[in-house]
Amino acid sequence: MFNSKGKQAKKEIEALFNDIQINLENNYKDLAIGARKKAEERLKSMEASGELKDKDYKKLKATLDDYTKRMEGYHH
């Protein structure tokens, strides 16, 4: 099997991104903030443990940065 851990890790992060997107679409700002934070923490831990290739990490990090930018005005 070719890097099934990497595929599994990408799917997990993409599911977390989906949670962010759904919460943004429904205007659930607090839930979107929490989902973004959870995705950020999980992405960092995956990078540190080597679960993601550098190329995949950079792509996912860019997506997370886009969500962060969209949520700049959100506060608890």
Protein backbone atom coordinates (compact mmCIF):
# COMPACT_ATOMS: atom_id res chain seq x y z
CA MET A 1 0.00 0.00 0.00
CA PHE A 2 1.26 3.39 -0.95
CA ASN A 3 1.21 5.83 1.95
CA SER A 4 -2.25 4.88 3.21
CA LYS A 5 -1.48 6.81 6.40
CA GLY A 6 -1.09 9.96 4.33
CA LYS A 7 -4.40 9.42 2.56
CA GLN A 8 -6.13 8.77 5.85
CA ALA A 9 -4.58 11.90 7.37
CA LYS A 10 -5.68 14.02 4.40
CA LYS A 11 -9.23 12.68 4.67
CA GLU A 12 -9.30 13.51 8.38
CA ILE A 13 -8.16 17.10 7.78
CA GLU A 14 -10.59 17.51 4.89
CA ALA A 15 -13.42 16.35 7.17
CA LEU A 16 -12.38 19.01 9.68
CA PHE A 17 -12.35 21.61 6.88
CA ASN A 18 -15.85 20.46 5.93
CA ASP A 19 -16.97 21.16 9.51
CA ILE A 20 -15.57 24.68 9.23
CA GLN A 21 -17.33 25.24 5.90
CA ILE A 22 -20.69 23.98 7.15
CA ASN A 23 -20.49 26.17 10.25
CA LEU A 24 -19.58 29.21 8.15
CA GLU A 25 -22.45 28.58 5.76
CA ASN A 26 -24.87 28.34 8.67
CA ASN A 27 -23.39 31.44 10.32
CA TYR A 28 -22.35 29.49 13.43
CA LYS A 29 -19.33 31.64 14.19
CA ASP A 30 -18.37 30.09 17.53
CA LEU A 31 -18.56 26.58 16.10
CA ALA A 32 -16.57 27.65 13.04
CA ILE A 33 -13.87 29.15 15.27
CA GLY A 34 -13.70 25.93 17.30
CA ALA A 35 -13.56 23.76 14.20
CA ARG A 36 -10.78 25.90 12.72
CA LYS A 37 -8.76 25.66 15.92
CA LYS A 38 -9.22 21.88 16.03
CA ALA A 39 -8.14 21.58 12.38
CA GLU A 40 -5.10 23.77 13.02
CA GLU A 41 -4.00 21.69 16.01
CA ARG A 42 -4.51 18.41 14.17
CA LEU A 43 -2.64 19.66 11.10
CA LYS A 44 0.32 20.69 13.26
CA SER A 45 0.40 17.32 15.01
CA MET A 46 0.25 15.49 11.67
CA GLU A 47 3.15 17.54 10.35
CA ALA A 48 5.20 16.88 13.49
CA SER A 49 4.54 13.14 13.40
CA GLY A 50 5.27 12.86 9.67
CA GLU A 51 1.79 11.61 8.77
CA LEU A 52 1.62 14.10 5.89
CA LYS A 53 4.02 14.68 3.04
CA ASP A 54 5.45 18.19 2.91
CA LYS A 55 3.57 18.91 -0.33
CA ASP A 56 0.25 17.82 1.19
CA TYR A 57 0.92 19.78 4.37
CA LYS A 58 1.59 22.98 2.42
CA LYS A 59 -1.59 22.57 0.39
CA LEU A 60 -3.73 21.88 3.46
CA LYS A 61 -2.06 24.72 5.39
CA ALA A 62 -2.93 27.11 2.54
CA THR A 63 -6.56 26.02 2.76
CA LEU A 64 -6.54 26.54 6.53
CA ASP A 65 -4.98 29.98 6.03
CA ASP A 66 -7.84 30.86 3.64
CA TYR A 67 -10.39 29.93 6.29
CA THR A 68 -8.45 31.92 8.88
CA LYS A 69 -8.48 34.98 6.62
CA ARG A 70 -12.22 34.65 5.99
CA MET A 71 -12.81 34.51 9.74
CA GLU A 72 -10.63 37.51 10.71
CA GLY A 73 -13.51 39.54 12.14
CA TYR A 74 -14.94 36.69 14.21
CA HIS A 75 -14.63 36.96 17.96
CA HIS A 76 -16.04 34.99 20.86
